[in-house]
Amino acid sequence: MEKDRIIVIGSANMDMVVKTDHIPVPGETVLGGAFLMNPGGKGANQAVSIARLGGDVSFISKVGNDVFGRQSKQTFEEEGIDTDGVLEDTKTPSGVALITVDKSGENSIVVASGANLNLTPKDVEQYLNKIPRVNIVLLQLEIPMETVKFAVQYASKHGIKIILNPAPANPMISELFNFIDVITPNSNEAELLSGIVVKDIDSAKTAAESIFQQGVKNVVITLGANGAVLLNEEGFQIVPANKVETIDTTAAGDVFNGALALAIAEGKDILSGVHFACQAASIAVTRMGAQSSIPFRRELILSQI
């Protein structure tokens, strides 16, 4: 089956991860354990997820003219991602993320965005115009908001489905809700976008209703170990996650978004896509790191998707 191409527009970072007993509070120093450095960034993680799960994906991003940028681009090429849209910034270093992961798998992340903040609408436009058979654009919010807005409006004008992962949360994105086909906030992001504190399934439903009423066609709120909920014109659905031992949640949301985009590109309905995405994310949280945790298609139980 020929798959339509997915375009991921977003960030690329180098992740520096330290495993520790607990995440330090302000002013506290803790001794950590294992250290891991590997390519990350929400956009990059989502592009790699799509590629490993068998998708046809192009990535539009900006990295620095440095060892991190070169290593990241080489990694994308080895994963089978089209990197013609991965641009080099000669004046600004590549983005980096400093990540602490505690013994329960929860994380705390600080990002120095670097070249990611120099990805412009013009950069995006010149590559979108060159890429054939585009069916889906997948976006996050680690690049300038003006670039996100341009990409959303371009995709809407050309009849391309738009999936927005509103992370990190930014209330300005509500201006674009009428253009968005699928939005995928986690509980914290859903709270910011809806004004509803999300602490369980019932409150997630209320938050989803608020976002849906603002114009988004499909609202998917991810709830970590509790799976995800979906709200659209067909109603409200609860999708459970597989029960696993969580090691590191760093890239779980990115794996979820990449898997969901791929499922939709392959013609699955959105509910089936959310099931597939939950399954992929459940595998990712059992491993350390961002891109190092992303599963391959063969690891998923295909009969369940």
C-alpha atoms as a PDB file:
ATOM      1  CA  MET A   1       0.000   0.000   0.000  1.00  0.00           C
ATOM      2  CA  GLU A   2       1.411   3.391  -0.961  1.00  0.00           C
ATOM      3  CA  LYS A   3       1.454   5.714   2.013  1.00  0.00           C
ATOM      4  CA  ASP A   4       0.908   9.439   1.774  1.00  0.00           C
ATOM      5  CA  ARG A   5       3.806  11.493   3.014  1.00  0.00           C
ATOM      6  CA  ILE A   6       3.826  13.055   6.457  1.00  0.00           C
ATOM      7  CA  ILE A   7       5.660  16.325   7.017  1.00  0.00           C
ATOM      8  CA  VAL A   8       6.942  16.951  10.519  1.00  0.00           C
ATOM      9  CA  ILE A   9       7.817  20.591  11.183  1.00  0.00           C
ATOM     10  CA  GLY A  10       9.552  21.199  14.460  1.00  0.00           C
ATOM     11  CA  SER A  11      12.529  21.106  16.757  1.00  0.00           C
ATOM     12  CA  ALA A  12      15.727  19.092  16.858  1.00  0.00           C
ATOM     13  CA  ASN A  13      17.807  19.014  20.040  1.00  0.00           C
ATOM     14  CA  MET A  14      20.600  17.046  21.572  1.00  0.00           C
ATOM     15  CA  ASP A  15      19.294  15.487  24.792  1.00  0.00           C
ATOM     16  CA  MET A  16      21.548  15.103  27.832  1.00  0.00           C
ATOM     17  CA  VAL A  17      19.837  12.799  30.298  1.00  0.00           C
ATOM     18  CA  VAL A  18      20.736  11.972  33.899  1.00  0.00           C
ATOM     19  CA  LYS A  19      18.940   9.230  35.810  1.00  0.00           C
ATOM     20  CA  THR A  20      18.561  10.013  39.520  1.00  0.00           C
ATOM     21  CA  ASP A  21      16.604   8.956  42.571  1.00  0.00           C
ATOM     22  CA  HIS A  22      14.478  12.102  42.585  1.00  0.00           C
ATOM     23  CA  ILE A  23      14.258  15.371  40.681  1.00  0.00           C
ATOM     24  CA  PRO A  24      16.007  18.112  42.695  1.00  0.00           C
ATOM     25  CA  VAL A  25      14.037  21.005  44.108  1.00  0.00           C
ATOM     26  CA  PRO A  26      15.405  24.570  43.761  1.00  0.00           C
ATOM     27  CA  GLY A  27      18.727  24.891  45.562  1.00  0.00           C
ATOM     28  CA  GLU A  28      19.224  21.139  45.929  1.00  0.00           C
ATOM     29  CA  THR A  29      22.116  19.152  44.472  1.00  0.00           C
ATOM     30  CA  VAL A  30      21.681  15.410  43.996  1.00  0.00           C
ATOM     31  CA  LEU A  31      24.074  12.736  42.802  1.00  0.00           C
ATOM     32  CA  GLY A  32      22.825  11.113  39.642  1.00  0.00           C
ATOM     33  CA  GLY A  33      23.338   7.718  38.111  1.00  0.00           C
ATOM     34  CA  ALA A  34      23.392   6.755  34.432  1.00  0.00           C
ATOM     35  CA  PHE A  35      24.089   9.469  31.845  1.00  0.00           C
ATOM     36  CA  LEU A  36      22.810   9.269  28.271  1.00  0.00           C
ATOM     37  CA  MET A  37      23.249  11.671  25.359  1.00  0.00           C
ATOM     38  CA  ASN A  38      21.258  11.174  22.184  1.00  0.00           C
ATOM     39  CA  PRO A  39      19.327  13.217  19.603  1.00  0.00           C
ATOM     40  CA  GLY A  40      15.953  14.530  20.704  1.00  0.00           C
ATOM     41  CA  GLY A  41      13.585  17.460  20.281  1.00  0.00           C
ATOM     42  CA  LYS A  42       9.858  16.991  19.853  1.00  0.00           C
ATOM     43  CA  GLY A  43       9.880  17.392  16.088  1.00  0.00           C
ATOM     44  CA  ALA A  44      12.835  15.068  15.613  1.00  0.00           C
ATOM     45  CA  ASN A  45      11.407  12.444  17.960  1.00  0.00           C
ATOM     46  CA  GLN A  46       8.110  12.453  16.106  1.00  0.00           C
ATOM     47  CA  ALA A  47       9.808  12.161  12.712  1.00  0.00           C
ATOM     48  CA  VAL A  48      11.914   9.222  13.909  1.00  0.00           C
ATOM     49  CA  SER A  49       8.810   7.582  15.372  1.00  0.00           C
ATOM     50  CA  ILE A  50       7.037   7.766  12.027  1.00  0.00           C
ATOM     51  CA  ALA A  51      10.053   6.391  10.162  1.00  0.00           C
ATOM     52  CA  ARG A  52      10.566   3.460  12.548  1.00  0.00           C
ATOM     53  CA  LEU A  53       6.892   2.579  12.356  1.00  0.00           C
ATOM     54  CA  GLY A  54       7.095   2.409   8.563  1.00  0.00           C
ATOM     55  CA  GLY A  55       5.984   5.858   7.447  1.00  0.00           C
ATOM     56  CA  ASP A  56       7.092   8.076   4.567  1.00  0.00           C
ATOM     57  CA  VAL A  57       8.251  11.189   6.409  1.00  0.00           C
ATOM     58  CA  SER A  58      10.028  14.460   5.673  1.00  0.00           C
ATOM     59  CA  PHE A  59      11.403  16.665   8.432  1.00  0.00           C
ATOM     60  CA  ILE A  60      11.654  20.449   8.334  1.00  0.00           C
ATOM     61  CA  SER A  61      13.863  21.869  11.076  1.00  0.00           C
ATOM     62  CA  LYS A  62      16.936  23.986  11.762  1.00  0.00           C
ATOM     63  CA  VAL A  63      20.165  22.920  13.476  1.00  0.00           C
ATOM     64  CA  GLY A  64      23.460  24.636  14.196  1.00  0.00           C
ATOM     65  CA  ASN A  65      26.707  24.323  12.275  1.00  0.00           C
ATOM     66  CA  ASP A  66      28.174  22.194  15.065  1.00  0.00           C
ATOM     67  CA  VAL A  67      28.792  18.604  16.079  1.00  0.00           C
ATOM     68  CA  PHE A  68      25.278  18.227  17.511  1.00  0.00           C
ATOM     69  CA  GLY A  69      23.656  19.471  14.311  1.00  0.00           C
ATOM     70  CA  ARG A  70      25.744  17.205  12.096  1.00  0.00           C
ATOM     71  CA  GLN A  71      25.136  14.203  14.327  1.00  0.00           C
ATOM     72  CA  SER A  72      21.397  14.834  14.355  1.00  0.00           C
ATOM     73  CA  LYS A  73      21.144  15.113  10.575  1.00  0.00           C
ATOM     74  CA  GLN A  74      23.181  11.942  10.112  1.00  0.00           C
ATOM     75  CA  THR A  75      20.862  10.145  12.523  1.00  0.00           C
ATOM     76  CA  PHE A  76      17.781  11.278  10.582  1.00  0.00           C
ATOM     77  CA  GLU A  77      19.270  10.045   7.310  1.00  0.00           C
ATOM     78  CA  GLU A  78      20.103   6.673   8.851  1.00  0.00           C
ATOM     79  CA  GLU A  79      16.487   6.397  10.020  1.00  0.00           C
ATOM     80  CA  GLY A  80      15.258   6.903   6.450  1.00  0.00           C
ATOM     81  CA  ILE A  81      13.872  10.405   6.960  1.00  0.00           C
ATOM     82  CA  ASP A  82      13.941  12.906   4.088  1.00  0.00           C
ATOM     83  CA  THR A  83      16.271  15.622   5.433  1.00  0.00           C
ATOM     84  CA  ASP A  84      16.238  18.141   2.573  1.00  0.00           C
ATOM     85  CA  GLY A  85      14.334  20.450   4.906  1.00  0.00           C
ATOM     86  CA  VAL A  86      16.807  20.171   7.797  1.00  0.00           C
ATOM     87  CA  LEU A  87      18.569  23.514   7.469  1.00  0.00           C
ATOM     88  CA  GLU A  88      21.861  24.681   8.954  1.00  0.00           C
ATOM     89  CA  ASP A  89      22.135  27.890  10.945  1.00  0.00           C
ATOM     90  CA  THR A  90      25.685  29.251  10.750  1.00  0.00           C
ATOM     91  CA  LYS A  91      25.253  31.775  13.572  1.00  0.00           C
ATOM     92  CA  THR A  92      23.326  29.922  16.277  1.00  0.00           C
ATOM     93  CA  PRO A  93      24.160  26.588  17.950  1.00  0.00           C
ATOM     94  CA  SER A  94      21.912  23.549  17.862  1.00  0.00           C
ATOM     95  CA  GLY A  95      19.260  23.218  20.515  1.00  0.00           C
ATOM     96  CA  VAL A  96      20.024  21.184  23.618  1.00  0.00           C
ATOM     97  CA  ALA A  97      17.822  19.714  26.345  1.00  0.00           C
ATOM     98  CA  LEU A  98      18.930  18.949  29.897  1.00  0.00           C
ATOM     99  CA  ILE A  99      16.764  16.135  31.250  1.00  0.00           C
ATOM    100  CA  THR A 100      16.526  14.631  34.724  1.00  0.00           C
ATOM    101  CA  VAL A 101      14.659  11.328  35.075  1.00  0.00           C
ATOM    102  CA  ASP A 102      13.636  10.035  38.505  1.00  0.00           C
ATOM    103  CA  LYS A 103      13.241   6.436  39.701  1.00  0.00           C
ATOM    104  CA  SER A 104       9.549   6.359  38.728  1.00  0.00           C
ATOM    105  CA  GLY A 105      10.297   7.472  35.164  1.00  0.00           C
ATOM    106  CA  GLU A 106       9.007  11.013  35.517  1.00  0.00           C
ATOM    107  CA  ASN A 107      11.187  13.752  34.068  1.00  0.00           C
ATOM    108  CA  SER A 108      12.112  17.418  34.337  1.00  0.00           C
ATOM    109  CA  ILE A 109      13.400  19.129  31.183  1.00  0.00           C
ATOM    110  CA  VAL A 110      15.088  22.447  30.457  1.00  0.00           C
ATOM    111  CA  VAL A 111      15.563  23.333  26.777  1.00  0.00           C
ATOM    112  CA  ALA A 112      17.987  25.827  25.223  1.00  0.00           C
ATOM    113  CA  SER A 113      16.272  26.173  21.855  1.00  0.00           C
ATOM    114  CA  GLY A 114      19.202  27.547  19.845  1.00  0.00           C
ATOM    115  CA  ALA A 115      18.722  27.286  16.084  1.00  0.00           C
ATOM    116  CA  ASN A 116      15.146  26.023  16.508  1.00  0.00           C
ATOM    117  CA  LEU A 117      14.040  29.600  17.169  1.00  0.00           C
ATOM    118  CA  ASN A 118      15.372  30.682  13.771  1.00  0.00           C
ATOM    119  CA  LEU A 119      13.132  28.388  11.706  1.00  0.00           C
ATOM    120  CA  THR A 120      11.126  30.913   9.670  1.00  0.00           C
ATOM    121  CA  PRO A 121       7.933  30.745   7.596  1.00  0.00           C
ATOM    122  CA  LYS A 122      10.091  31.250   4.494  1.00  0.00           C
ATOM    123  CA  ASP A 123      12.205  28.216   5.426  1.00  0.00           C
ATOM    124  CA  VAL A 124       9.077  26.116   5.753  1.00  0.00           C
ATOM    125  CA  GLU A 125       7.389  27.392   2.600  1.00  0.00           C
ATOM    126  CA  GLN A 126      10.278  26.623   0.260  1.00  0.00           C
ATOM    127  CA  TYR A 127      10.307  22.964   1.301  1.00  0.00           C
ATOM    128  CA  LEU A 128       6.560  22.422   1.525  1.00  0.00           C
ATOM    129  CA  ASN A 129       6.314  23.585  -2.081  1.00  0.00           C
ATOM    130  CA  LYS A 130       8.791  20.888  -3.166  1.00  0.00           C
ATOM    131  CA  ILE A 131       7.315  17.854  -1.391  1.00  0.00           C
ATOM    132  CA  PRO A 132       4.736  15.741  -3.287  1.00  0.00           C
ATOM    133  CA  ARG A 133       1.777  13.728  -1.944  1.00  0.00           C
ATOM    134  CA  VAL A 134       1.613  15.519   1.366  1.00  0.00           C
ATOM    135  CA  ASN A 135      -1.337  14.194   3.388  1.00  0.00           C
ATOM    136  CA  ILE A 136      -0.503  15.260   6.946  1.00  0.00           C
ATOM    137  CA  VAL A 137       1.455  18.038   8.623  1.00  0.00           C
ATOM    138  CA  LEU A 138       2.461  17.302  12.222  1.00  0.00           C
ATOM    139  CA  LEU A 139       3.504  20.281  14.369  1.00  0.00           C
ATOM    140  CA  GLN A 140       4.604  21.089  17.916  1.00  0.00           C
ATOM    141  CA  LEU A 141       5.410  24.391  19.652  1.00  0.00           C
ATOM    142  CA  GLU A 142       9.200  24.337  20.107  1.00  0.00           C
ATOM    143  CA  ILE A 143       9.625  26.590  17.058  1.00  0.00           C
ATOM    144  CA  PRO A 144       8.470  30.220  16.605  1.00  0.00           C
ATOM    145  CA  MET A 145       4.715  30.731  16.805  1.00  0.00           C
ATOM    146  CA  GLU A 146       4.703  32.701  13.550  1.00  0.00           C
ATOM    147  CA  THR A 147       6.177  29.650  11.809  1.00  0.00           C
ATOM    148  CA  VAL A 148       3.558  27.370  13.343  1.00  0.00           C
ATOM    149  CA  LYS A 149       0.791  29.735  12.242  1.00  0.00           C
ATOM    150  CA  PHE A 150       2.165  29.881   8.706  1.00  0.00           C
ATOM    151  CA  ALA A 151       2.404  26.098   8.470  1.00  0.00           C
ATOM    152  CA  VAL A 152      -1.143  25.614   9.754  1.00  0.00           C
ATOM    153  CA  GLN A 153      -2.576  28.151   7.336  1.00  0.00           C
ATOM    154  CA  TYR A 154      -0.561  26.723   4.417  1.00  0.00           C
ATOM    155  CA  ALA A 155      -1.745  23.200   5.164  1.00  0.00           C
ATOM    156  CA  SER A 156      -5.358  24.285   5.534  1.00  0.00           C
ATOM    157  CA  LYS A 157      -5.240  26.166   2.221  1.00  0.00           C
ATOM    158  CA  HIS A 158      -3.848  23.091   0.428  1.00  0.00           C
ATOM    159  CA  GLY A 159      -6.228  20.565   1.963  1.00  0.00           C
ATOM    160  CA  ILE A 160      -3.576  18.899   4.127  1.00  0.00           C
ATOM    161  CA  LYS A 161      -4.630  17.365   7.466  1.00  0.00           C
ATOM    162  CA  ILE A 162      -3.152  19.160  10.464  1.00  0.00           C
ATOM    163  CA  ILE A 163      -2.144  17.410  13.694  1.00  0.00           C
ATOM    164  CA  LEU A 164      -0.981  19.761  16.428  1.00  0.00           C
ATOM    165  CA  ASN A 165       0.823  18.586  19.533  1.00  0.00           C
ATOM    166  CA  PRO A 166       0.519  21.780  21.646  1.00  0.00           C
ATOM    167  CA  ALA A 167       3.748  21.282  23.572  1.00  0.00           C
ATOM    168  CA  PRO A 168       5.104  23.193  25.288  1.00  0.00           C
ATOM    169  CA  ALA A 169       1.731  24.702  26.082  1.00  0.00           C
ATOM    170  CA  ASN A 170       0.964  28.119  24.597  1.00  0.00           C
ATOM    171  CA  PRO A 171      -2.526  29.658  24.838  1.00  0.00           C
ATOM    172  CA  MET A 172      -1.922  31.672  21.639  1.00  0.00           C
ATOM    173  CA  ILE A 173      -2.501  28.497  19.640  1.00  0.00           C
ATOM    174  CA  SER A 174      -6.250  28.788  20.280  1.00  0.00           C
ATOM    175  CA  GLU A 175      -6.330  31.309  17.411  1.00  0.00           C
ATOM    176  CA  LEU A 176      -5.753  28.377  15.045  1.00  0.00           C
ATOM    177  CA  PHE A 177      -8.244  25.882  16.478  1.00  0.00           C
ATOM    178  CA  ASN A 178     -10.652  26.196  13.539  1.00  0.00           C
ATOM    179  CA  PHE A 179      -7.914  24.978  11.172  1.00  0.00           C
ATOM    180  CA  ILE A 180      -6.775  21.976  13.209  1.00  0.00           C
ATOM    181  CA  ASP A 181      -7.948  18.451  12.464  1.00  0.00           C
ATOM    182  CA  VAL A 182      -6.448  16.771  15.532  1.00  0.00           C
ATOM    183  CA  ILE A 183      -4.994  18.286  18.701  1.00  0.00           C
ATOM    184  CA  THR A 184      -3.108  16.145  21.213  1.00  0.00           C
ATOM    185  CA  PRO A 185      -2.485  17.905  24.539  1.00  0.00           C
ATOM    186  CA  ASN A 186      -1.419  16.092  27.673  1.00  0.00           C
ATOM    187  CA  SER A 187      -3.296  16.825  30.896  1.00  0.00           C
ATOM    188  CA  ASN A 188      -1.290  19.947  31.746  1.00  0.00           C
ATOM    189  CA  GLU A 189      -1.610  21.371  28.233  1.00  0.00           C
ATOM    190  CA  ALA A 190      -5.318  20.547  28.158  1.00  0.00           C
ATOM    191  CA  GLU A 191      -5.748  22.495  31.387  1.00  0.00           C
ATOM    192  CA  LEU A 192      -4.067  25.568  29.897  1.00  0.00           C
ATOM    193  CA  LEU A 193      -6.164  25.393  26.720  1.00  0.00           C
ATOM    194  CA  SER A 194      -9.484  24.715  28.444  1.00  0.00           C
ATOM    195  CA  GLY A 195      -9.212  26.218  31.913  1.00  0.00           C
ATOM    196  CA  ILE A 196     -10.210  22.812  33.352  1.00  0.00           C
ATOM    197  CA  VAL A 197      -7.908  21.016  35.797  1.00  0.00           C
ATOM    198  CA  VAL A 198      -7.438  17.502  34.368  1.00  0.00           C
ATOM    199  CA  LYS A 199      -7.053  14.941  37.149  1.00  0.00           C
ATOM    200  CA  ASP A 200      -9.157  11.989  35.959  1.00  0.00           C
ATOM    201  CA  ILE A 201     -11.265  10.737  33.059  1.00  0.00           C
ATOM    202  CA  ASP A 202     -14.290  12.892  33.919  1.00  0.00           C
ATOM    203  CA  SER A 203     -12.285  16.119  34.066  1.00  0.00           C
ATOM    204  CA  ALA A 204     -10.468  15.110  30.876  1.00  0.00           C
ATOM    205  CA  LYS A 205     -13.835  14.799  29.166  1.00  0.00           C
ATOM    206  CA  THR A 206     -14.862  18.255  30.368  1.00  0.00           C
ATOM    207  CA  ALA A 207     -11.585  19.752  29.137  1.00  0.00           C
ATOM    208  CA  ALA A 208     -11.931  17.980  25.788  1.00  0.00           C
ATOM    209  CA  GLU A 209     -15.444  19.373  25.399  1.00  0.00           C
ATOM    210  CA  SER A 210     -14.147  22.897  26.002  1.00  0.00           C
ATOM    211  CA  ILE A 211     -11.416  22.529  23.368  1.00  0.00           C
ATOM    212  CA  PHE A 212     -13.807  20.855  20.915  1.00  0.00           C
ATOM    213  CA  GLN A 213     -16.268  23.700  21.274  1.00  0.00           C
ATOM    214  CA  GLN A 214     -13.488  26.115  20.304  1.00  0.00           C
ATOM    215  CA  GLY A 215     -13.320  24.545  16.831  1.00  0.00           C
ATOM    216  CA  VAL A 216     -10.916  21.585  16.823  1.00  0.00           C
ATOM    217  CA  LYS A 217     -12.387  18.601  14.946  1.00  0.00           C
ATOM    218  CA  ASN A 218     -10.770  15.865  17.042  1.00  0.00           C
ATOM    219  CA  VAL A 219      -9.478  16.339  20.588  1.00  0.00           C
ATOM    220  CA  VAL A 220      -7.142  13.678  21.967  1.00  0.00           C
ATOM    221  CA  ILE A 221      -5.933  14.187  25.544  1.00  0.00           C
ATOM    222  CA  THR A 222      -3.082  11.918  26.593  1.00  0.00           C
ATOM    223  CA  LEU A 223      -3.158  10.739  30.206  1.00  0.00           C
ATOM    224  CA  GLY A 224       0.086   8.825  30.635  1.00  0.00           C
ATOM    225  CA  ALA A 225      -0.459   5.437  32.276  1.00  0.00           C
ATOM    226  CA  ASN A 226      -4.232   5.976  31.971  1.00  0.00           C
ATOM    227  CA  GLY A 227      -4.061   6.027  28.168  1.00  0.00           C
ATOM    228  CA  ALA A 228      -5.941   8.722  26.263  1.00  0.00           C
ATOM    229  CA  VAL A 229      -9.397  10.095  25.614  1.00  0.00           C
ATOM    230  CA  LEU A 230     -10.882  11.106  22.270  1.00  0.00           C
ATOM    231  CA  LEU A 231     -13.707  13.526  21.602  1.00  0.00           C
ATOM    232  CA  ASN A 232     -15.161  14.356  18.198  1.00  0.00           C
ATOM    233  CA  GLU A 233     -18.570  14.682  16.587  1.00  0.00           C
ATOM    234  CA  GLU A 234     -19.070  10.913  17.002  1.00  0.00           C
ATOM    235  CA  GLY A 235     -18.787  11.170  20.779  1.00  0.00           C
ATOM    236  CA  PHE A 236     -16.373  10.480  23.625  1.00  0.00           C
ATOM    237  CA  GLN A 237     -14.052   7.469  23.791  1.00  0.00           C
ATOM    238  CA  ILE A 238     -11.628   6.179  26.425  1.00  0.00           C
ATOM    239  CA  VAL A 239      -8.545   4.347  25.157  1.00  0.00           C
ATOM    240  CA  PRO A 240      -6.553   2.494  27.852  1.00  0.00           C
ATOM    241  CA  ALA A 241      -2.784   2.136  27.832  1.00  0.00           C
ATOM    242  CA  ASN A 242      -0.956  -1.164  28.152  1.00  0.00           C
ATOM    243  CA  LYS A 243       0.163  -1.897  31.721  1.00  0.00           C
ATOM    244  CA  VAL A 244       3.960  -1.737  31.744  1.00  0.00           C
ATOM    245  CA  GLU A 245       6.849  -0.921  34.075  1.00  0.00           C
ATOM    246  CA  THR A 246       7.710   2.711  33.349  1.00  0.00           C
ATOM    247  CA  ILE A 247      11.420   3.544  33.124  1.00  0.00           C
ATOM    248  CA  ASP A 248      11.450   6.929  31.349  1.00  0.00           C
ATOM    249  CA  THR A 249       8.555   8.978  29.959  1.00  0.00           C
ATOM    250  CA  THR A 250      10.758  11.469  28.062  1.00  0.00           C
ATOM    251  CA  ALA A 251       9.588  10.724  24.493  1.00  0.00           C
ATOM    252  CA  ALA A 252       6.282   8.996  25.198  1.00  0.00           C
ATOM    253  CA  GLY A 253       4.180  11.898  23.930  1.00  0.00           C
ATOM    254  CA  ASP A 254       6.285  12.224  20.791  1.00  0.00           C
ATOM    255  CA  VAL A 255       5.972   8.522  20.031  1.00  0.00           C
ATOM    256  CA  PHE A 256       2.217   8.820  20.554  1.00  0.00           C
ATOM    257  CA  ASN A 257       1.970  11.697  18.079  1.00  0.00           C
ATOM    258  CA  GLY A 258       4.157  10.071  15.453  1.00  0.00           C
ATOM    259  CA  ALA A 259       2.215   6.826  15.663  1.00  0.00           C
ATOM    260  CA  LEU A 260      -1.126   8.625  15.467  1.00  0.00           C
ATOM    261  CA  ALA A 261      -0.031  10.571  12.383  1.00  0.00           C
ATOM    262  CA  LEU A 262       1.141   7.380  10.697  1.00  0.00           C
ATOM    263  CA  ALA A 263      -2.075   5.522  11.460  1.00  0.00           C
ATOM    264  CA  ILE A 264      -4.145   8.332   9.944  1.00  0.00           C
ATOM    265  CA  ALA A 265      -1.847   8.473   6.896  1.00  0.00           C
ATOM    266  CA  GLU A 266      -2.417   4.752   6.403  1.00  0.00           C
ATOM    267  CA  GLY A 267      -6.167   5.309   6.298  1.00  0.00           C
ATOM    268  CA  LYS A 268      -7.125   4.161   9.793  1.00  0.00           C
ATOM    269  CA  ASP A 269      -9.961   5.931  11.568  1.00  0.00           C
ATOM    270  CA  ILE A 270      -8.875   8.165  14.422  1.00  0.00           C
ATOM    271  CA  LEU A 271     -10.049   5.828  17.204  1.00  0.00           C
ATOM    272  CA  SER A 272      -7.955   2.981  15.782  1.00  0.00           C
ATOM    273  CA  GLY A 273      -5.114   5.470  15.442  1.00  0.00           C
ATOM    274  CA  VAL A 274      -5.318   6.404  19.126  1.00  0.00           C
ATOM    275  CA  HIS A 275      -5.215   2.712  20.097  1.00  0.00           C
ATOM    276  CA  PHE A 276      -2.123   2.259  17.924  1.00  0.00           C
ATOM    277  CA  ALA A 277      -0.504   5.362  19.397  1.00  0.00           C
ATOM    278  CA  CYS A 278      -1.135   4.231  22.987  1.00  0.00           C
ATOM    279  CA  GLN A 279       0.443   0.890  22.202  1.00  0.00           C
ATOM    280  CA  ALA A 280       3.556   2.493  20.703  1.00  0.00           C
ATOM    281  CA  ALA A 281       3.929   4.912  23.626  1.00  0.00           C
ATOM    282  CA  SER A 282       3.575   2.053  26.105  1.00  0.00           C
ATOM    283  CA  ILE A 283       6.669   0.451  24.615  1.00  0.00           C
ATOM    284  CA  ALA A 284       8.659   3.700  24.640  1.00  0.00           C
ATOM    285  CA  VAL A 285       8.239   4.318  28.382  1.00  0.00           C
ATOM    286  CA  THR A 286       9.940   1.014  29.202  1.00  0.00           C
ATOM    287  CA  ARG A 287      13.274   2.350  27.881  1.00  0.00           C
ATOM    288  CA  MET A 288      15.676   5.180  28.692  1.00  0.00           C
ATOM    289  CA  GLY A 289      16.147   8.175  26.434  1.00  0.00           C
ATOM    290  CA  ALA A 290      14.213   9.920  23.699  1.00  0.00           C
ATOM    291  CA  GLN A 291      14.973   8.522  20.246  1.00  0.00           C
ATOM    292  CA  SER A 292      16.682   5.500  21.794  1.00  0.00           C
ATOM    293  CA  SER A 293      13.306   4.477  23.254  1.00  0.00           C
ATOM    294  CA  ILE A 294      11.267   4.682  20.046  1.00  0.00           C
ATOM    295  CA  PRO A 295       9.906   1.285  18.924  1.00  0.00           C
ATOM    296  CA  PHE A 296       9.940  -0.269  15.465  1.00  0.00           C
ATOM    297  CA  ARG A 297       6.776  -1.480  13.743  1.00  0.00           C
ATOM    298  CA  ARG A 298       7.684  -5.127  14.246  1.00  0.00           C
ATOM    299  CA  GLU A 299       7.511  -4.600  18.021  1.00  0.00           C
ATOM    300  CA  LEU A 300       3.840  -3.726  17.975  1.00  0.00           C
ATOM    301  CA  ILE A 301       1.121  -6.335  17.993  1.00  0.00           C
ATOM    302  CA  LEU A 302      -0.314  -5.653  14.555  1.00  0.00           C
ATOM    303  CA  SER A 303      -3.507  -7.594  15.181  1.00  0.00           C
ATOM    304  CA  GLN A 304      -4.569  -4.950  17.696  1.00  0.00           C
ATOM    305  CA  ILE A 305      -4.382  -1.983  15.288  1.00  0.00           C
END
